[in-house]
Amino acid sequence: MISRRTAIGLIAMGSSAVASVRSAAAALDYPTRPVRFVVGYPPGGATDIIARLVGQRLSEKLGQQFVIENKPGAGNNIGTETVVNAQPDGNTVLLVNPANFINATLYVNLKFNFVRDIAAVASFQRVPNVMTVNKDVPAKNVAEFIAYLKANPGKVNMASSGNGTSVHLSGEMFMAMTGTKMQHVPYRGAAPAISDMLGGQVQVIFDNMPSIIQHIRAGSLRALGVTTTERSPQLPDVQAIAETVPGYEASALFGMGAPKDTPKDIIEKLNSTINAILAEPEMRQRLVELGGEPLIQSPEAFGGMIKAETAKWKKVVEFAGLRVE
């Protein structure tokens, strides 16, 4: 004869099994409707370019549109909060970018904790930022630019794609490590910042490679240094800033996140599909052209990188003495 406790245990086990089957079935059918792919910046910048590349292939492989939804504002926080508060059903995902790691320390009153509230789905790539100047700046390399800044303290306008972005913090780190001073001019995204760079209103930007490289190759802007510790294969003649400023490193990590309680089976389906996309020769070539090799790894490995990046940028924010209320 089965005891009451045993019967309750069997019922619970049965319920758990049913829930697992339903979860697996949901992942098998996923997605059943268009997916919102939220980007915390306007169209045209590095985050938008990468999201559209991956989103287009996800739409083709999974049979539902991954619709890029640009939600700029508050240094990427508006877009991130939209995803944090979305239903955890896989139908809203986030383009994870360096601002997510930086803002954890930079902003005093965030309504979310990025590491806790966003589940890692898949990494895309890690790319350098590029210290780039317009033609009015006479410096041809990092050492000459440092000398130019010291001769003109506070007179050089440094553009960024917004307060707290890696574009901003790369410049702040440069100033802190070289004892120089520039005037920070934040924009609502990389595209308007680059437009003013070309027009001469601002003189330098530490932009993500995907959104700046076409202008460097066209000769309309001049690259002085990349923010990785080694030179980029895409710009082999451009020195690493660290060659002149030892210890300088400020690369940018991109990927996809989802609300924290998104079913594991859906996350795994997205991860395996994205990893297959990143392994495609055409996609790999496109990402390399934009500045970085594809990063193919598990959700858990990407989650570990998110924690490490958050810790790295915390040191930079504190080193520069930056806080946003």
C-alpha atoms as a PDB file:
ATOM      1  CA  MET A   1       0.000   0.000   0.000  1.00  0.00           C
ATOM      2  CA  ILE A   2       1.357   3.451  -0.991  1.00  0.00           C
ATOM      3  CA  SER A   3       1.612   5.929   1.859  1.00  0.00           C
ATOM      4  CA  ARG A   4       0.116   9.403   1.589  1.00  0.00           C
ATOM      5  CA  ARG A   5       3.623  10.965   1.623  1.00  0.00           C
ATOM      6  CA  THR A   6       4.792   8.677  -1.183  1.00  0.00           C
ATOM      7  CA  ALA A   7       1.689   9.476  -3.219  1.00  0.00           C
ATOM      8  CA  ILE A   8       2.278  13.210  -2.816  1.00  0.00           C
ATOM      9  CA  GLY A   9       5.908  12.711  -3.892  1.00  0.00           C
ATOM     10  CA  LEU A  10       4.865  10.777  -6.980  1.00  0.00           C
ATOM     11  CA  ILE A  11       2.336  13.471  -7.904  1.00  0.00           C
ATOM     12  CA  ALA A  12       5.022  16.146  -7.503  1.00  0.00           C
ATOM     13  CA  MET A  13       7.434  14.151  -9.647  1.00  0.00           C
ATOM     14  CA  GLY A  14       4.741  13.753 -12.271  1.00  0.00           C
ATOM     15  CA  SER A  15       4.002  17.475 -12.254  1.00  0.00           C
ATOM     16  CA  SER A  16       7.695  18.244 -12.637  1.00  0.00           C
ATOM     17  CA  ALA A  17       7.967  15.837 -15.549  1.00  0.00           C
ATOM     18  CA  VAL A  18       4.957  17.401 -17.224  1.00  0.00           C
ATOM     19  CA  ALA A  19       6.464  20.860 -16.746  1.00  0.00           C
ATOM     20  CA  SER A  20       9.738  19.658 -18.285  1.00  0.00           C
ATOM     21  CA  VAL A  21       7.916  18.191 -21.271  1.00  0.00           C
ATOM     22  CA  ARG A  22       5.959  21.408 -21.747  1.00  0.00           C
ATOM     23  CA  SER A  23       9.169  23.460 -21.517  1.00  0.00           C
ATOM     24  CA  ALA A  24      10.883  21.257 -24.087  1.00  0.00           C
ATOM     25  CA  ALA A  25       7.843  21.462 -26.357  1.00  0.00           C
ATOM     26  CA  ALA A  26       7.817  25.257 -26.055  1.00  0.00           C
ATOM     27  CA  ALA A  27      11.488  25.390 -27.032  1.00  0.00           C
ATOM     28  CA  LEU A  28      10.843  23.041 -29.963  1.00  0.00           C
ATOM     29  CA  ASP A  29       8.114  25.339 -31.300  1.00  0.00           C
ATOM     30  CA  TYR A  30       9.940  28.590 -30.426  1.00  0.00           C
ATOM     31  CA  PRO A  31       9.561  31.199 -31.767  1.00  0.00           C
ATOM     32  CA  THR A  32       5.859  31.214 -32.608  1.00  0.00           C
ATOM     33  CA  ARG A  33       5.686  34.975 -33.225  1.00  0.00           C
ATOM     34  CA  PRO A  34       8.072  37.855 -34.046  1.00  0.00           C
ATOM     35  CA  VAL A  35      10.810  38.476 -31.477  1.00  0.00           C
ATOM     36  CA  ARG A  36      11.727  41.972 -30.266  1.00  0.00           C
ATOM     37  CA  PHE A  37      15.508  42.420 -30.434  1.00  0.00           C
ATOM     38  CA  VAL A  38      16.100  45.551 -28.345  1.00  0.00           C
ATOM     39  CA  VAL A  39      19.097  47.793 -29.076  1.00  0.00           C
ATOM     40  CA  GLY A  40      19.724  50.637 -26.622  1.00  0.00           C
ATOM     41  CA  TYR A  41      21.032  53.014 -29.293  1.00  0.00           C
ATOM     42  CA  PRO A  42      19.791  54.672 -32.511  1.00  0.00           C
ATOM     43  CA  PRO A  43      20.296  53.010 -35.912  1.00  0.00           C
ATOM     44  CA  GLY A  44      23.740  53.218 -37.487  1.00  0.00           C
ATOM     45  CA  GLY A  45      26.097  52.533 -34.578  1.00  0.00           C
ATOM     46  CA  ALA A  46      28.146  49.421 -33.823  1.00  0.00           C
ATOM     47  CA  THR A  47      25.493  47.799 -31.629  1.00  0.00           C
ATOM     48  CA  ASP A  48      22.821  48.333 -34.286  1.00  0.00           C
ATOM     49  CA  ILE A  49      25.024  46.990 -37.106  1.00  0.00           C
ATOM     50  CA  ILE A  50      25.854  43.777 -35.228  1.00  0.00           C
ATOM     51  CA  ALA A  51      22.254  43.249 -34.057  1.00  0.00           C
ATOM     52  CA  ARG A  52      20.913  43.563 -37.606  1.00  0.00           C
ATOM     53  CA  LEU A  53      23.494  41.124 -38.979  1.00  0.00           C
ATOM     54  CA  VAL A  54      22.678  38.428 -36.421  1.00  0.00           C
ATOM     55  CA  GLY A  55      18.950  39.238 -36.303  1.00  0.00           C
ATOM     56  CA  GLN A  56      18.547  38.791 -40.054  1.00  0.00           C
ATOM     57  CA  ARG A  57      20.081  35.300 -39.970  1.00  0.00           C
ATOM     58  CA  LEU A  58      18.027  34.332 -36.901  1.00  0.00           C
ATOM     59  CA  SER A  59      14.878  35.365 -38.784  1.00  0.00           C
ATOM     60  CA  GLU A  60      15.885  33.183 -41.723  1.00  0.00           C
ATOM     61  CA  LYS A  61      16.864  30.142 -39.644  1.00  0.00           C
ATOM     62  CA  LEU A  62      14.012  30.196 -37.100  1.00  0.00           C
ATOM     63  CA  GLY A  63      11.163  31.245 -39.385  1.00  0.00           C
ATOM     64  CA  GLN A  64      10.054  34.315 -37.396  1.00  0.00           C
ATOM     65  CA  GLN A  65      11.204  37.903 -37.676  1.00  0.00           C
ATOM     66  CA  PHE A  66      13.708  39.174 -35.122  1.00  0.00           C
ATOM     67  CA  VAL A  67      12.619  42.804 -35.232  1.00  0.00           C
ATOM     68  CA  ILE A  68      15.298  45.319 -34.253  1.00  0.00           C
ATOM     69  CA  GLU A  69      13.751  47.797 -31.815  1.00  0.00           C
ATOM     70  CA  ASN A  70      15.982  50.809 -31.228  1.00  0.00           C
ATOM     71  CA  LYS A  71      15.322  52.293 -27.776  1.00  0.00           C
ATOM     72  CA  PRO A  72      18.027  54.922 -27.164  1.00  0.00           C
ATOM     73  CA  GLY A  73      18.429  56.966 -24.025  1.00  0.00           C
ATOM     74  CA  ALA A  74      20.058  57.079 -20.581  1.00  0.00           C
ATOM     75  CA  GLY A  75      23.293  55.541 -21.827  1.00  0.00           C
ATOM     76  CA  ASN A  76      21.597  52.289 -22.956  1.00  0.00           C
ATOM     77  CA  ASN A  77      19.604  51.900 -19.715  1.00  0.00           C
ATOM     78  CA  ILE A  78      16.170  52.484 -21.277  1.00  0.00           C
ATOM     79  CA  GLY A  79      16.608  49.607 -23.693  1.00  0.00           C
ATOM     80  CA  THR A  80      18.043  47.331 -21.007  1.00  0.00           C
ATOM     81  CA  GLU A  81      15.220  48.097 -18.554  1.00  0.00           C
ATOM     82  CA  THR A  82      12.678  47.314 -21.292  1.00  0.00           C
ATOM     83  CA  VAL A  83      14.080  43.791 -21.539  1.00  0.00           C
ATOM     84  CA  VAL A  84      14.487  43.354 -17.785  1.00  0.00           C
ATOM     85  CA  ASN A  85      10.747  44.075 -17.376  1.00  0.00           C
ATOM     86  CA  ALA A  86       9.590  42.007 -20.376  1.00  0.00           C
ATOM     87  CA  GLN A  87       7.875  38.635 -20.103  1.00  0.00           C
ATOM     88  CA  PRO A  88      10.573  35.925 -19.824  1.00  0.00           C
ATOM     89  CA  ASP A  89       9.250  33.926 -22.772  1.00  0.00           C
ATOM     90  CA  GLY A  90      12.021  34.412 -25.326  1.00  0.00           C
ATOM     91  CA  ASN A  91      10.022  36.950 -27.311  1.00  0.00           C
ATOM     92  CA  THR A  92      12.114  39.910 -26.087  1.00  0.00           C
ATOM     93  CA  VAL A  93      15.914  39.833 -26.177  1.00  0.00           C
ATOM     94  CA  LEU A  94      18.690  42.400 -25.686  1.00  0.00           C
ATOM     95  CA  LEU A  95      21.796  43.361 -27.619  1.00  0.00           C
ATOM     96  CA  VAL A  96      24.344  43.147 -24.781  1.00  0.00           C
ATOM     97  CA  ASN A  97      27.122  45.711 -25.158  1.00  0.00           C
ATOM     98  CA  PRO A  98      29.839  47.351 -23.036  1.00  0.00           C
ATOM     99  CA  ALA A  99      27.512  49.988 -21.577  1.00  0.00           C
ATOM    100  CA  ASN A 100      25.725  47.211 -19.697  1.00  0.00           C
ATOM    101  CA  PHE A 101      28.930  46.349 -17.832  1.00  0.00           C
ATOM    102  CA  ILE A 102      29.936  49.977 -17.281  1.00  0.00           C
ATOM    103  CA  ASN A 103      26.566  51.252 -16.075  1.00  0.00           C
ATOM    104  CA  ALA A 104      26.490  48.801 -13.180  1.00  0.00           C
ATOM    105  CA  THR A 105      28.999  51.085 -11.445  1.00  0.00           C
ATOM    106  CA  LEU A 106      28.545  54.383 -13.283  1.00  0.00           C
ATOM    107  CA  TYR A 107      24.844  54.920 -12.487  1.00  0.00           C
ATOM    108  CA  VAL A 108      23.912  55.405  -8.863  1.00  0.00           C
ATOM    109  CA  ASN A 109      20.165  54.731  -9.034  1.00  0.00           C
ATOM    110  CA  LEU A 110      19.650  51.958 -11.579  1.00  0.00           C
ATOM    111  CA  LYS A 111      16.308  50.162 -11.291  1.00  0.00           C
ATOM    112  CA  PHE A 112      17.884  46.820 -12.162  1.00  0.00           C
ATOM    113  CA  ASN A 113      21.024  44.771 -11.575  1.00  0.00           C
ATOM    114  CA  PHE A 114      22.314  43.708 -14.975  1.00  0.00           C
ATOM    115  CA  VAL A 115      24.275  40.638 -13.847  1.00  0.00           C
ATOM    116  CA  ARG A 116      21.286  39.410 -11.812  1.00  0.00           C
ATOM    117  CA  ASP A 117      18.370  40.422 -14.046  1.00  0.00           C
ATOM    118  CA  ILE A 118      19.594  39.504 -17.533  1.00  0.00           C
ATOM    119  CA  ALA A 119      20.312  35.913 -18.519  1.00  0.00           C
ATOM    120  CA  ALA A 120      23.291  35.362 -20.799  1.00  0.00           C
ATOM    121  CA  VAL A 121      22.223  33.812 -24.124  1.00  0.00           C
ATOM    122  CA  ALA A 122      25.181  33.966 -26.521  1.00  0.00           C
ATOM    123  CA  SER A 123      28.268  36.041 -27.217  1.00  0.00           C
ATOM    124  CA  PHE A 124      28.836  37.540 -30.670  1.00  0.00           C
ATOM    125  CA  GLN A 125      32.325  39.060 -30.730  1.00  0.00           C
ATOM    126  CA  ARG A 126      34.859  41.242 -28.929  1.00  0.00           C
ATOM    127  CA  VAL A 127      36.142  44.259 -30.864  1.00  0.00           C
ATOM    128  CA  PRO A 128      38.545  47.121 -30.252  1.00  0.00           C
ATOM    129  CA  ASN A 129      37.527  50.722 -30.102  1.00  0.00           C
ATOM    130  CA  VAL A 130      39.568  53.001 -32.349  1.00  0.00           C
ATOM    131  CA  MET A 131      40.948  56.377 -31.294  1.00  0.00           C
ATOM    132  CA  THR A 132      40.122  58.385 -34.405  1.00  0.00           C
ATOM    133  CA  VAL A 133      40.644  62.069 -35.227  1.00  0.00           C
ATOM    134  CA  ASN A 134      39.421  64.374 -37.961  1.00  0.00           C
ATOM    135  CA  LYS A 135      41.695  66.000 -40.512  1.00  0.00           C
ATOM    136  CA  ASP A 136      42.070  69.209 -38.497  1.00  0.00           C
ATOM    137  CA  VAL A 137      44.119  67.399 -35.850  1.00  0.00           C
ATOM    138  CA  PRO A 138      47.808  67.422 -36.852  1.00  0.00           C
ATOM    139  CA  ALA A 139      48.833  64.341 -34.829  1.00  0.00           C
ATOM    140  CA  LYS A 140      49.717  61.227 -36.830  1.00  0.00           C
ATOM    141  CA  ASN A 141      50.221  58.802 -33.907  1.00  0.00           C
ATOM    142  CA  VAL A 142      49.413  58.357 -30.218  1.00  0.00           C
ATOM    143  CA  ALA A 143      52.556  60.076 -28.899  1.00  0.00           C
ATOM    144  CA  GLU A 144      51.963  63.119 -31.110  1.00  0.00           C
ATOM    145  CA  PHE A 145      48.331  63.265 -30.004  1.00  0.00           C
ATOM    146  CA  ILE A 146      49.312  63.239 -26.336  1.00  0.00           C
ATOM    147  CA  ALA A 147      51.724  66.093 -27.005  1.00  0.00           C
ATOM    148  CA  TYR A 148      48.999  67.979 -28.888  1.00  0.00           C
ATOM    149  CA  LEU A 149      46.554  67.562 -25.987  1.00  0.00           C
ATOM    150  CA  LYS A 150      49.118  68.783 -23.463  1.00  0.00           C
ATOM    151  CA  ALA A 151      49.780  71.833 -25.622  1.00  0.00           C
ATOM    152  CA  ASN A 152      46.028  72.492 -25.902  1.00  0.00           C
ATOM    153  CA  PRO A 153      44.501  71.386 -22.553  1.00  0.00           C
ATOM    154  CA  GLY A 154      40.704  71.214 -22.626  1.00  0.00           C
ATOM    155  CA  LYS A 155      40.492  72.610 -26.178  1.00  0.00           C
ATOM    156  CA  VAL A 156      39.942  69.265 -27.950  1.00  0.00           C
ATOM    157  CA  ASN A 157      36.333  68.052 -28.075  1.00  0.00           C
ATOM    158  CA  MET A 158      35.986  64.300 -27.521  1.00  0.00           C
ATOM    159  CA  ALA A 159      32.781  62.844 -28.967  1.00  0.00           C
ATOM    160  CA  SER A 160      31.077  59.725 -27.639  1.00  0.00           C
ATOM    161  CA  SER A 161      27.926  57.749 -28.335  1.00  0.00           C
ATOM    162  CA  GLY A 162      26.611  58.656 -24.876  1.00  0.00           C
ATOM    163  CA  ASN A 163      27.569  58.979 -21.217  1.00  0.00           C
ATOM    164  CA  GLY A 164      28.860  55.712 -19.821  1.00  0.00           C
ATOM    165  CA  THR A 165      29.454  53.935 -23.120  1.00  0.00           C
ATOM    166  CA  SER A 166      32.745  52.178 -23.789  1.00  0.00           C
ATOM    167  CA  VAL A 167      33.360  54.959 -26.319  1.00  0.00           C
ATOM    168  CA  HIS A 168      33.171  57.489 -23.462  1.00  0.00           C
ATOM    169  CA  LEU A 169      35.061  55.419 -20.890  1.00  0.00           C
ATOM    170  CA  SER A 170      37.852  54.546 -23.327  1.00  0.00           C
ATOM    171  CA  GLY A 171      38.522  58.269 -23.630  1.00  0.00           C
ATOM    172  CA  GLU A 172      38.277  58.852 -19.891  1.00  0.00           C
ATOM    173  CA  MET A 173      40.729  56.046 -19.284  1.00  0.00           C
ATOM    174  CA  PHE A 174      43.089  57.543 -21.857  1.00  0.00           C
ATOM    175  CA  MET A 175      42.984  60.941 -20.151  1.00  0.00           C
ATOM    176  CA  ALA A 176      43.512  59.413 -16.719  1.00  0.00           C
ATOM    177  CA  MET A 177      46.508  57.372 -17.860  1.00  0.00           C
ATOM    178  CA  THR A 178      48.192  60.149 -19.878  1.00  0.00           C
ATOM    179  CA  GLY A 179      47.479  63.172 -17.700  1.00  0.00           C
ATOM    180  CA  THR A 180      45.674  64.929 -20.533  1.00  0.00           C
ATOM    181  CA  LYS A 181      42.371  66.810 -20.677  1.00  0.00           C
ATOM    182  CA  MET A 182      39.654  66.796 -23.344  1.00  0.00           C
ATOM    183  CA  GLN A 183      36.110  68.168 -23.349  1.00  0.00           C
ATOM    184  CA  HIS A 184      33.593  65.323 -23.458  1.00  0.00           C
ATOM    185  CA  VAL A 185      30.670  65.824 -25.876  1.00  0.00           C
ATOM    186  CA  PRO A 186      28.087  63.002 -25.578  1.00  0.00           C
ATOM    187  CA  TYR A 187      25.726  62.191 -28.452  1.00  0.00           C
ATOM    188  CA  ARG A 188      22.664  59.965 -28.737  1.00  0.00           C
ATOM    189  CA  GLY A 189      24.527  57.258 -30.633  1.00  0.00           C
ATOM    190  CA  ALA A 190      27.588  56.849 -32.826  1.00  0.00           C
ATOM    191  CA  ALA A 191      26.040  58.027 -36.105  1.00  0.00           C
ATOM    192  CA  PRO A 192      25.440  61.678 -35.076  1.00  0.00           C
ATOM    193  CA  ALA A 193      28.809  61.769 -33.312  1.00  0.00           C
ATOM    194  CA  ILE A 194      30.611  60.631 -36.471  1.00  0.00           C
ATOM    195  CA  SER A 195      28.630  63.130 -38.537  1.00  0.00           C
ATOM    196  CA  ASP A 196      29.952  65.956 -36.359  1.00  0.00           C
ATOM    197  CA  MET A 197      33.448  64.437 -36.502  1.00  0.00           C
ATOM    198  CA  LEU A 198      33.324  64.672 -40.282  1.00  0.00           C
ATOM    199  CA  GLY A 199      32.007  68.234 -40.009  1.00  0.00           C
ATOM    200  CA  GLY A 200      34.778  69.325 -37.643  1.00  0.00           C
ATOM    201  CA  GLN A 201      32.593  70.192 -34.626  1.00  0.00           C
ATOM    202  CA  VAL A 202      34.429  67.558 -32.554  1.00  0.00           C
ATOM    203  CA  GLN A 203      37.995  66.352 -33.035  1.00  0.00           C
ATOM    204  CA  VAL A 204      38.354  62.834 -31.592  1.00  0.00           C
ATOM    205  CA  ILE A 205      36.298  59.748 -30.805  1.00  0.00           C
ATOM    206  CA  PHE A 206      37.182  56.340 -29.326  1.00  0.00           C
ATOM    207  CA  ASP A 207      34.482  54.615 -31.356  1.00  0.00           C
ATOM    208  CA  ASN A 208      33.630  50.941 -31.759  1.00  0.00           C
ATOM    209  CA  MET A 209      35.351  49.647 -34.891  1.00  0.00           C
ATOM    210  CA  PRO A 210      32.168  48.513 -36.744  1.00  0.00           C
ATOM    211  CA  SER A 211      30.742  52.023 -37.008  1.00  0.00           C
ATOM    212  CA  ILE A 212      34.006  53.926 -37.670  1.00  0.00           C
ATOM    213  CA  ILE A 213      36.100  51.640 -39.870  1.00  0.00           C
ATOM    214  CA  GLN A 214      34.451  52.597 -43.171  1.00  0.00           C
ATOM    215  CA  HIS A 215      35.383  56.245 -42.592  1.00  0.00           C
ATOM    216  CA  ILE A 216      38.959  55.271 -41.701  1.00  0.00           C
ATOM    217  CA  ARG A 217      39.302  53.161 -44.841  1.00  0.00           C
ATOM    218  CA  ALA A 218      37.809  55.957 -46.948  1.00  0.00           C
ATOM    219  CA  GLY A 219      40.404  58.378 -45.573  1.00  0.00           C
ATOM    220  CA  SER A 220      37.824  60.836 -44.268  1.00  0.00           C
ATOM    221  CA  LEU A 221      38.981  60.215 -40.665  1.00  0.00           C
ATOM    222  CA  ARG A 222      42.400  59.197 -39.301  1.00  0.00           C
ATOM    223  CA  ALA A 223      42.920  56.300 -36.881  1.00  0.00           C
ATOM    224  CA  LEU A 224      45.673  56.808 -34.308  1.00  0.00           C
ATOM    225  CA  GLY A 225      45.335  53.714 -32.108  1.00  0.00           C
ATOM    226  CA  VAL A 226      43.213  50.694 -31.204  1.00  0.00           C
ATOM    227  CA  THR A 227      42.161  49.976 -27.631  1.00  0.00           C
ATOM    228  CA  THR A 228      43.098  46.288 -27.538  1.00  0.00           C
ATOM    229  CA  THR A 229      46.520  45.310 -26.220  1.00  0.00           C
ATOM    230  CA  GLU A 230      47.560  44.150 -29.700  1.00  0.00           C
ATOM    231  CA  ARG A 231      47.004  45.596 -33.173  1.00  0.00           C
ATOM    232  CA  SER A 232      43.886  44.628 -35.097  1.00  0.00           C
ATOM    233  CA  PRO A 233      44.207  42.551 -38.290  1.00  0.00           C
ATOM    234  CA  GLN A 234      41.640  44.932 -39.801  1.00  0.00           C
ATOM    235  CA  LEU A 235      43.915  47.935 -39.228  1.00  0.00           C
ATOM    236  CA  PRO A 236      47.389  46.397 -39.113  1.00  0.00           C
ATOM    237  CA  ASP A 237      49.182  49.714 -39.662  1.00  0.00           C
ATOM    238  CA  VAL A 238      47.415  51.343 -36.707  1.00  0.00           C
ATOM    239  CA  GLN A 239      49.277  50.938 -33.421  1.00  0.00           C
ATOM    240  CA  ALA A 240      47.739  49.672 -30.207  1.00  0.00           C
ATOM    241  CA  ILE A 241      47.439  52.543 -27.724  1.00  0.00           C
ATOM    242  CA  ALA A 242      49.198  50.267 -25.226  1.00  0.00           C
ATOM    243  CA  GLU A 243      52.372  50.517 -27.335  1.00  0.00           C
ATOM    244  CA  THR A 244      52.624  54.124 -26.124  1.00  0.00           C
ATOM    245  CA  VAL A 245      50.508  53.930 -22.936  1.00  0.00           C
ATOM    246  CA  PRO A 246      51.487  50.655 -21.199  1.00  0.00           C
ATOM    247  CA  GLY A 247      48.582  48.811 -19.568  1.00  0.00           C
ATOM    248  CA  TYR A 248      45.851  50.506 -21.598  1.00  0.00           C
ATOM    249  CA  GLU A 249      43.055  48.083 -22.679  1.00  0.00           C
ATOM    250  CA  ALA A 250      39.397  48.830 -23.438  1.00  0.00           C
ATOM    251  CA  SER A 251      37.913  46.334 -25.904  1.00  0.00           C
ATOM    252  CA  ALA A 252      34.148  45.911 -26.386  1.00  0.00           C
ATOM    253  CA  LEU A 253      32.173  42.687 -25.836  1.00  0.00           C
ATOM    254  CA  PHE A 254      28.859  42.116 -27.665  1.00  0.00           C
ATOM    255  CA  GLY A 255      26.215  39.402 -27.359  1.00  0.00           C
ATOM    256  CA  MET A 256      22.577  38.601 -26.604  1.00  0.00           C
ATOM    257  CA  GLY A 257      20.732  38.550 -23.274  1.00  0.00           C
ATOM    258  CA  ALA A 258      17.169  37.779 -22.169  1.00  0.00           C
ATOM    259  CA  PRO A 259      15.008  38.359 -19.048  1.00  0.00           C
ATOM    260  CA  LYS A 260      16.385  36.322 -16.147  1.00  0.00           C
ATOM    261  CA  ASP A 261      13.600  33.702 -15.948  1.00  0.00           C
ATOM    262  CA  THR A 262      13.558  32.865 -19.661  1.00  0.00           C
ATOM    263  CA  PRO A 263      13.263  29.045 -19.952  1.00  0.00           C
ATOM    264  CA  LYS A 264      16.618  27.309 -20.225  1.00  0.00           C
ATOM    265  CA  ASP A 265      15.495  25.301 -23.252  1.00  0.00           C
ATOM    266  CA  ILE A 266      14.735  28.510 -25.171  1.00  0.00           C
ATOM    267  CA  ILE A 267      18.087  30.023 -24.185  1.00  0.00           C
ATOM    268  CA  GLU A 268      19.852  26.867 -25.332  1.00  0.00           C
ATOM    269  CA  LYS A 269      17.984  26.897 -28.657  1.00  0.00           C
ATOM    270  CA  LEU A 270      18.949  30.512 -29.258  1.00  0.00           C
ATOM    271  CA  ASN A 271      22.533  29.815 -28.223  1.00  0.00           C
ATOM    272  CA  SER A 272      22.953  26.816 -30.540  1.00  0.00           C
ATOM    273  CA  THR A 273      21.346  28.684 -33.450  1.00  0.00           C
ATOM    274  CA  ILE A 274      23.514  31.779 -32.919  1.00  0.00           C
ATOM    275  CA  ASN A 275      26.662  29.662 -32.610  1.00  0.00           C
ATOM    276  CA  ALA A 276      25.788  27.955 -35.914  1.00  0.00           C
ATOM    277  CA  ILE A 277      25.303  31.385 -37.515  1.00  0.00           C
ATOM    278  CA  LEU A 278      28.650  32.648 -36.185  1.00  0.00           C
ATOM    279  CA  ALA A 279      30.362  29.579 -37.672  1.00  0.00           C
ATOM    280  CA  GLU A 280      29.061  30.333 -41.171  1.00  0.00           C
ATOM    281  CA  PRO A 281      31.976  31.472 -43.393  1.00  0.00           C
ATOM    282  CA  GLU A 282      30.124  34.540 -44.685  1.00  0.00           C
ATOM    283  CA  MET A 283      29.099  35.654 -41.193  1.00  0.00           C
ATOM    284  CA  ARG A 284      32.574  35.054 -39.816  1.00  0.00           C
ATOM    285  CA  GLN A 285      34.081  37.118 -42.627  1.00  0.00           C
ATOM    286  CA  ARG A 286      31.600  39.951 -42.032  1.00  0.00           C
ATOM    287  CA  LEU A 287      32.295  40.042 -38.283  1.00  0.00           C
ATOM    288  CA  VAL A 288      36.057  40.001 -38.869  1.00  0.00           C
ATOM    289  CA  GLU A 289      35.616  42.914 -41.292  1.00  0.00           C
ATOM    290  CA  LEU A 290      33.824  44.739 -38.492  1.00  0.00           C
ATOM    291  CA  GLY A 291      36.759  44.227 -36.167  1.00  0.00           C
ATOM    292  CA  GLY A 292      36.626  40.954 -34.258  1.00  0.00           C
ATOM    293  CA  GLU A 293      36.536  37.163 -34.504  1.00  0.00           C
ATOM    294  CA  PRO A 294      33.217  35.453 -33.637  1.00  0.00           C
ATOM    295  CA  LEU A 295      32.977  34.274 -30.026  1.00  0.00           C
ATOM    296  CA  ILE A 296      31.330  30.841 -30.046  1.00  0.00           C
ATOM    297  CA  GLN A 297      30.591  29.561 -26.548  1.00  0.00           C
ATOM    298  CA  SER A 298      27.915  28.382 -24.110  1.00  0.00           C
ATOM    299  CA  PRO A 299      25.499  30.640 -22.196  1.00  0.00           C
ATOM    300  CA  GLU A 300      27.423  29.804 -19.016  1.00  0.00           C
ATOM    301  CA  ALA A 301      30.757  30.864 -20.523  1.00  0.00           C
ATOM    302  CA  PHE A 302      29.241  34.110 -21.787  1.00  0.00           C
ATOM    303  CA  GLY A 303      27.769  34.705 -18.329  1.00  0.00           C
ATOM    304  CA  GLY A 304      31.256  34.385 -16.870  1.00  0.00           C
ATOM    305  CA  MET A 305      32.559  36.964 -19.341  1.00  0.00           C
ATOM    306  CA  ILE A 306      29.732  39.340 -18.383  1.00  0.00           C
ATOM    307  CA  LYS A 307      30.786  39.152 -14.733  1.00  0.00           C
ATOM    308  CA  ALA A 308      34.454  39.678 -15.636  1.00  0.00           C
ATOM    309  CA  GLU A 309      33.679  42.658 -17.894  1.00  0.00           C
ATOM    310  CA  THR A 310      31.519  44.246 -15.182  1.00  0.00           C
ATOM    311  CA  ALA A 311      34.409  43.939 -12.727  1.00  0.00           C
ATOM    312  CA  LYS A 312      36.901  45.364 -15.275  1.00  0.00           C
ATOM    313  CA  TRP A 313      34.840  48.440 -16.096  1.00  0.00           C
ATOM    314  CA  LYS A 314      34.098  49.008 -12.407  1.00  0.00           C
ATOM    315  CA  LYS A 315      37.806  49.658 -11.928  1.00  0.00           C
ATOM    316  CA  VAL A 316      37.851  52.081 -14.886  1.00  0.00           C
ATOM    317  CA  VAL A 317      34.804  54.024 -13.645  1.00  0.00           C
ATOM    318  CA  GLU A 318      36.272  54.322 -10.154  1.00  0.00           C
ATOM    319  CA  PHE A 319      39.728  55.181 -11.549  1.00  0.00           C
ATOM    320  CA  ALA A 320      38.207  58.040 -13.559  1.00  0.00           C
ATOM    321  CA  GLY A 321      36.016  59.132 -10.620  1.00  0.00           C
ATOM    322  CA  LEU A 322      32.803  59.060 -12.654  1.00  0.00           C
ATOM    323  CA  ARG A 323      29.244  58.851 -11.269  1.00  0.00           C
ATOM    324  CA  VAL A 324      25.862  59.591 -12.866  1.00  0.00           C
ATOM    325  CA  GLU A 325      22.888  60.311 -10.599  1.00  0.00           C
END
